[in-house]
Amino acid sequence: MRYLSRRPIQIYVNILLACSLYLSICVFGLPSIIQGKSIILNLDSFLEKMAEYCRKLEGVALQFVCHEEIKETIDPTLDVMQPLDTVDDWHLIPPGHAVAAQILPLRKIYNSYVYDYQCIRSNHIIRETRTLIEENGVKKNVPNSVLKTSVVIIGNALMAPVGLFSEAYHAYFDYAIIGKSKIEGLQLIIIEAKPKPSAPKNRNLFGKAWINPETAEICKIEWNENRIGNYEVFEKRAKRYMRSPRLTISSEFKTEKNGIRFPSRLLVEEAYINNLGRAMVRSKTEVVFTNIKFFSVEVDIK
């Protein structure tokens, strides 16, 4: 009597089970255990809730003040490597001073600043004012101060979810749940937004968001930005370096008022990519927002 091997049958069963699981995920979402609860991770549901939040954010009128504590590290290697006549656009050199790039030391430069910061948003326009109160440990009092770093604009971080997840931009992106992560013990999911091949070429914005799967709140967002204020500074540098600029911004949103989440910490990395695709990081900037005081946060959804 001949006996049929059970191995091929088991293989077929495994294949059928895998196909069934794949179809289930496509239709119902990815099941997961979040903080002891079984939650269906449905991408479309999250996108709908995030689009609703973006509508609130676009209609918000607000006014608040806080301390803006900035620490930055600059690596001048690329500037030393390139033959420059002047480096007038460096924020760390006083305006009107021209310094030959060849004499810059190959050591990292560290700066710190503290500002009294005020932000007003009305009629969809953000206005920012700053008073410099400390620079590299020295007390200052400079009203209407110009920001001494090139990369930090809190308004961009506050409105960042709109450019990635508002309903108006859904046609430009492919979205995917790409993983899970923990921030301060809270289990979050990560949703990535990548531009579609058909998206306009001037919209090379893309990023990721860390989402609370129970509330769909955005706790952290990371994006690459080419429309940040002063971006022409980075384009000029990139041209001198014969590289492409890349700004990566990561913002945490721990402060909440009237359903709007505000940046609590901001990290900015300024890098330049050579023709081999290798990145050289020129600067890293960390901003922490403290002592925040709200005067008004009003949401008008139309």
Protein backbone atom coordinates (compact mmCIF):
# COMPACT_ATOMS: atom_id res chain seq x y z
CA MET A 1 0.00 0.00 0.00
CA ARG A 2 1.33 3.41 -0.95
CA TYR A 3 1.15 6.26 1.54
CA LEU A 4 0.85 9.84 0.37
CA SER A 5 3.20 12.28 2.03
CA ARG A 6 1.43 14.86 4.16
CA ARG A 7 4.16 17.46 3.51
CA PRO A 8 2.80 18.75 0.14
CA ILE A 9 -0.70 18.90 1.64
CA GLN A 10 0.58 20.90 4.61
CA ILE A 11 2.40 23.28 2.26
CA TYR A 12 -0.80 23.89 0.30
CA VAL A 13 -2.71 24.50 3.54
CA ASN A 14 -0.09 27.03 4.68
CA ILE A 15 -0.31 28.85 1.35
CA LEU A 16 -4.10 29.02 1.59
CA LEU A 17 -3.90 30.35 5.15
CA ALA A 18 -1.34 32.98 4.11
CA CYS A 19 -3.55 34.12 1.22
CA SER A 20 -6.56 34.29 3.51
CA LEU A 21 -4.63 36.40 6.03
CA TYR A 22 -3.39 38.73 3.26
CA LEU A 23 -6.94 39.25 1.94
CA SER A 24 -8.19 39.87 5.47
CA ILE A 25 -5.54 42.56 6.03
CA CYS A 26 -6.34 44.23 2.70
CA VAL A 27 -10.05 44.36 3.46
CA PHE A 28 -10.20 44.92 7.21
CA GLY A 29 -6.81 46.37 8.11
CA LEU A 30 -3.88 45.04 10.10
CA PRO A 31 -4.91 43.55 13.47
CA SER A 32 -2.64 44.40 16.36
CA ILE A 33 -2.45 44.41 20.14
CA ILE A 34 -2.03 47.97 21.43
CA GLN A 35 -1.59 48.34 25.20
CA GLY A 36 -3.43 45.09 25.79
CA LYS A 37 -6.32 45.91 23.44
CA SER A 38 -7.06 44.34 20.08
CA ILE A 39 -7.35 47.17 17.55
CA ILE A 40 -7.99 46.99 13.82
CA LEU A 41 -5.52 49.27 12.08
CA ASN A 42 -7.62 50.57 9.22
CA LEU A 43 -5.63 53.03 7.09
CA ASP A 44 -8.65 54.70 5.48
CA SER A 45 -10.21 55.34 8.89
CA PHE A 46 -7.02 56.99 10.17
CA LEU A 47 -6.69 59.13 7.03
CA GLU A 48 -10.29 60.31 7.41
CA LYS A 49 -9.72 61.32 11.05
CA MET A 50 -6.43 63.03 10.23
CA ALA A 51 -8.08 64.95 7.37
CA GLU A 52 -10.75 66.10 9.84
CA TYR A 53 -8.01 67.34 12.19
CA CYS A 54 -6.34 69.19 9.31
CA ARG A 55 -9.63 71.00 8.58
CA LYS A 56 -9.66 72.21 12.19
CA LEU A 57 -6.00 73.23 11.94
CA GLU A 58 -6.54 75.20 8.72
CA GLY A 59 -9.37 77.16 10.33
CA VAL A 60 -7.65 77.93 13.63
CA ALA A 61 -7.05 81.47 14.86
CA LEU A 62 -4.61 81.66 17.75
CA GLN A 63 -2.25 83.73 19.82
CA PHE A 64 0.34 82.42 22.25
CA VAL A 65 3.75 83.18 23.71
CA CYS A 66 6.52 80.88 24.93
CA HIS A 67 10.26 80.51 25.39
CA GLU A 68 12.06 79.16 22.34
CA GLU A 69 15.27 77.41 23.46
CA ILE A 70 17.58 76.60 20.55
CA LYS A 71 20.77 74.55 20.39
CA GLU A 72 22.59 74.04 17.12
CA THR A 73 25.70 72.19 15.96
CA ILE A 74 27.42 73.16 12.69
CA ASP A 75 30.01 71.09 10.83
CA PRO A 76 31.92 73.49 8.52
CA THR A 77 33.67 70.72 6.56
CA LEU A 78 31.79 71.35 3.32
CA ASP A 79 32.54 75.07 3.50
CA VAL A 80 36.23 74.42 4.01
CA MET A 81 36.26 71.96 1.13
CA GLN A 82 34.74 74.45 -1.31
CA PRO A 83 36.67 77.52 -2.59
CA LEU A 84 34.49 80.44 -1.49
CA ASP A 85 35.24 84.14 -1.67
CA THR A 86 33.05 84.98 1.30
CA VAL A 87 30.58 83.38 3.62
CA ASP A 88 28.35 86.40 4.22
CA ASP A 89 25.24 84.22 4.46
CA TRP A 90 26.51 82.40 7.56
CA HIS A 91 24.35 83.49 10.44
CA LEU A 92 27.22 83.07 12.91
CA ILE A 93 29.29 85.79 11.19
CA PRO A 94 28.14 89.41 11.74
CA PRO A 95 26.53 91.03 8.67
CA GLY A 96 29.03 92.81 6.43
CA HIS A 97 31.99 90.70 7.52
CA ALA A 98 33.63 88.60 4.82
CA VAL A 99 35.73 85.68 5.99
CA ALA A 100 37.70 83.36 3.72
CA ALA A 101 36.26 79.86 4.04
CA GLN A 102 39.72 78.29 3.88
CA ILE A 103 40.59 79.59 7.36
CA LEU A 104 37.60 78.05 9.12
CA PRO A 105 38.78 75.34 11.53
CA LEU A 106 37.69 71.75 11.02
CA ARG A 107 35.84 71.59 14.29
CA LYS A 108 32.17 71.71 15.07
CA ILE A 109 30.57 75.00 16.04
CA TYR A 110 28.05 75.09 18.89
CA ASN A 111 25.52 77.87 19.44
CA SER A 112 22.60 78.36 21.80
CA TYR A 113 19.84 80.96 21.84
CA VAL A 114 16.77 81.69 23.97
CA TYR A 115 13.95 83.85 22.62
CA ASP A 116 10.71 85.23 23.98
CA TYR A 117 8.50 84.09 21.12
CA GLN A 118 5.03 85.26 20.09
CA CYS A 119 2.89 83.62 17.42
CA ILE A 120 -0.38 85.03 16.02
CA ARG A 121 -2.44 83.29 13.34
CA SER A 122 -5.48 85.02 11.85
CA ASN A 123 -7.05 84.93 8.39
CA HIS A 124 -4.78 81.97 7.56
CA ILE A 125 -1.61 84.08 8.04
CA ILE A 126 1.03 83.40 10.70
CA ARG A 127 2.95 86.33 12.21
CA GLU A 128 5.94 85.67 14.46
CA THR A 129 7.92 88.06 16.65
CA ARG A 130 10.94 87.34 18.82
CA THR A 131 12.98 89.00 21.55
CA LEU A 132 16.45 87.54 22.01
CA ILE A 133 17.01 87.12 25.75
CA GLU A 134 20.12 84.89 25.80
CA GLU A 135 22.91 84.02 23.34
CA ASN A 136 25.55 81.40 24.13
CA GLY A 137 24.92 81.80 27.84
CA VAL A 138 25.07 85.62 27.80
CA LYS A 139 21.92 87.54 28.77
CA LYS A 140 20.50 89.77 26.02
CA ASN A 141 17.50 91.98 25.38
CA VAL A 142 16.99 92.45 21.64
CA PRO A 143 13.36 93.20 20.72
CA ASN A 144 12.11 92.29 17.21
CA SER A 145 15.15 90.09 16.83
CA VAL A 146 15.95 88.32 13.58
CA LEU A 147 16.23 84.56 14.09
CA LYS A 148 19.94 83.73 14.15
CA THR A 149 19.42 80.21 12.87
CA SER A 150 18.36 79.59 9.28
CA VAL A 151 16.21 76.53 9.80
CA VAL A 152 13.71 77.11 12.59
CA ILE A 153 10.22 78.37 11.86
CA ILE A 154 7.62 77.11 14.34
CA GLY A 155 4.73 77.98 12.02
CA ASN A 156 5.91 75.35 9.54
CA ALA A 157 5.89 72.69 12.27
CA LEU A 158 2.46 73.69 13.55
CA MET A 159 0.89 73.42 10.09
CA ALA A 160 2.98 70.44 8.88
CA PRO A 161 0.11 67.89 9.10
CA VAL A 162 -1.88 69.90 6.53
CA GLY A 163 0.71 69.45 3.77
CA LEU A 164 0.73 65.68 4.26
CA PHE A 165 -2.71 64.59 5.44
CA SER A 166 -5.35 67.16 4.50
CA GLU A 167 -8.00 65.85 2.14
CA ALA A 168 -6.93 68.28 -0.59
CA TYR A 169 -3.54 66.55 -0.81
CA HIS A 170 -4.67 62.91 -0.67
CA ALA A 171 -4.46 62.69 -4.46
CA TYR A 172 -0.73 63.52 -4.30
CA PHE A 173 0.35 60.77 -1.89
CA ASP A 174 0.45 57.03 -1.41
CA TYR A 175 -0.13 56.20 2.26
CA ALA A 176 0.89 53.09 4.19
CA ILE A 177 1.09 51.86 7.78
CA ILE A 178 4.77 50.94 8.01
CA GLY A 179 5.27 49.99 11.64
CA LYS A 180 4.84 50.64 15.32
CA SER A 181 6.89 52.60 17.84
CA LYS A 182 6.78 53.78 21.44
CA ILE A 183 7.12 57.34 22.67
CA GLU A 184 7.29 57.71 26.45
CA GLY A 185 5.62 54.32 26.88
CA LEU A 186 2.73 55.07 24.52
CA GLN A 187 2.36 52.54 21.69
CA LEU A 188 1.96 54.35 18.36
CA ILE A 189 1.62 53.40 14.72
CA ILE A 190 3.64 55.02 11.93
CA ILE A 191 1.93 56.17 8.74
CA GLU A 192 4.11 57.14 5.79
CA ALA A 193 3.14 59.54 2.98
CA LYS A 194 5.08 59.21 -0.27
CA PRO A 195 4.38 61.37 -3.34
CA LYS A 196 2.69 59.61 -6.25
CA PRO A 197 4.59 59.50 -9.57
CA SER A 198 1.83 61.74 -10.97
CA ALA A 199 2.22 64.38 -8.23
CA PRO A 200 3.43 67.85 -9.30
CA LYS A 201 7.22 68.01 -9.40
CA ASN A 202 7.29 71.05 -7.14
CA ARG A 203 5.64 68.98 -4.37
CA ASN A 204 8.55 66.83 -3.26
CA LEU A 205 7.27 66.95 0.31
CA PHE A 206 7.02 63.59 2.03
CA GLY A 207 7.05 62.31 5.56
CA LYS A 208 5.84 60.09 8.39
CA ALA A 209 3.46 60.55 11.30
CA TRP A 210 3.36 58.73 14.64
CA ILE A 211 -0.31 58.25 15.47
CA ASN A 212 -2.16 57.21 18.62
CA PRO A 213 -4.22 54.28 17.24
CA GLU A 214 -7.00 54.80 19.78
CA THR A 215 -7.55 58.53 19.20
CA ALA A 216 -5.87 59.13 15.77
CA GLU A 217 -3.98 62.06 17.34
CA ILE A 218 -0.67 63.02 15.73
CA CYS A 219 2.02 62.75 18.43
CA LYS A 220 5.04 63.21 16.18
CA ILE A 221 5.66 64.06 12.56
CA GLU A 222 8.78 63.91 10.41
CA TRP A 223 9.00 65.45 6.98
CA ASN A 224 11.39 66.66 4.30
CA GLU A 225 10.74 70.25 3.41
CA ASN A 226 11.79 72.44 0.48
CA ARG A 227 9.43 75.32 1.22
CA ILE A 228 10.67 76.27 4.67
CA GLY A 229 11.48 79.93 5.19
CA ASN A 230 14.97 80.96 4.03
CA TYR A 231 15.17 77.90 1.78
CA GLU A 232 17.09 79.98 -0.77
CA VAL A 233 20.00 79.97 1.71
CA PHE A 234 20.24 76.19 1.46
CA GLU A 235 19.92 76.27 -2.32
CA LYS A 236 22.82 78.72 -2.53
CA ARG A 237 24.95 76.52 -0.30
CA ALA A 238 24.05 73.41 -2.28
CA LYS A 239 25.10 75.12 -5.49
CA ARG A 240 28.49 75.95 -3.99
CA TYR A 241 28.88 72.42 -2.65
CA MET A 242 27.73 70.96 -6.00
CA ARG A 243 25.19 68.86 -4.09
CA SER A 244 21.43 68.70 -3.51
CA PRO A 245 19.97 70.10 -0.26
CA ARG A 246 17.86 68.00 2.10
CA LEU A 247 16.10 69.38 5.17
CA THR A 248 14.61 66.78 7.52
CA ILE A 249 12.35 68.10 10.25
CA SER A 250 10.95 66.15 13.18
CA SER A 251 8.42 67.68 15.53
CA GLU A 252 6.81 66.32 18.69
CA PHE A 253 3.35 67.53 19.72
CA LYS A 254 2.87 67.18 23.48
CA THR A 255 1.03 70.44 24.12
CA GLU A 256 -2.73 70.51 23.44
CA LYS A 257 -5.25 73.34 23.57
CA ASN A 258 -8.86 73.18 22.36
CA GLY A 259 -8.17 70.12 20.25
CA ILE A 260 -5.08 71.60 18.54
CA ARG A 261 -1.67 70.07 19.18
CA PHE A 262 1.32 72.43 19.33
CA PRO A 263 5.00 71.63 18.75
CA SER A 264 6.84 70.93 21.99
CA ARG A 265 10.19 69.90 20.48
CA LEU A 266 11.63 70.40 17.02
CA LEU A 267 14.67 68.74 15.43
CA VAL A 268 16.07 69.96 12.10
CA GLU A 269 18.85 68.31 10.11
CA GLU A 270 20.45 70.19 7.21
CA ALA A 271 22.24 67.81 4.83
CA TYR A 272 23.63 67.86 1.29
CA ILE A 273 23.57 64.88 -1.07
CA ASN A 274 26.35 64.16 -3.59
CA ASN A 275 25.90 62.47 -6.96
CA LEU A 276 26.44 59.06 -5.34
CA GLY A 277 23.50 59.62 -3.02
CA ARG A 278 25.64 60.08 0.09
CA ALA A 279 24.57 62.68 2.62
CA MET A 280 26.84 65.09 4.48
CA VAL A 281 25.16 66.66 7.51
CA ARG A 282 26.11 70.32 7.86
CA SER A 283 23.96 71.27 10.83
CA LYS A 284 21.62 69.90 13.46
CA THR A 285 19.26 72.14 15.39
CA GLU A 286 17.12 71.31 18.43
CA VAL A 287 14.35 73.60 19.63
CA VAL A 288 12.40 73.12 22.85
CA PHE A 289 9.31 75.25 23.50
CA THR A 290 8.73 75.98 27.19
CA ASN A 291 6.60 78.26 29.39
CA ILE A 292 3.85 78.35 26.78
CA LYS A 293 0.93 80.68 27.52
CA PHE A 294 -2.20 80.77 25.36
CA PHE A 295 -4.24 83.93 24.86
CA SER A 296 -6.66 82.41 22.36
CA VAL A 297 -7.11 79.23 20.33
CA GLU A 298 -10.32 79.38 18.30
CA VAL A 299 -11.33 76.77 15.72
CA ASP A 300 -13.63 77.69 12.85
CA ILE A 301 -14.44 74.79 10.51
CA LYS A 302 -16.18 75.81 7.29
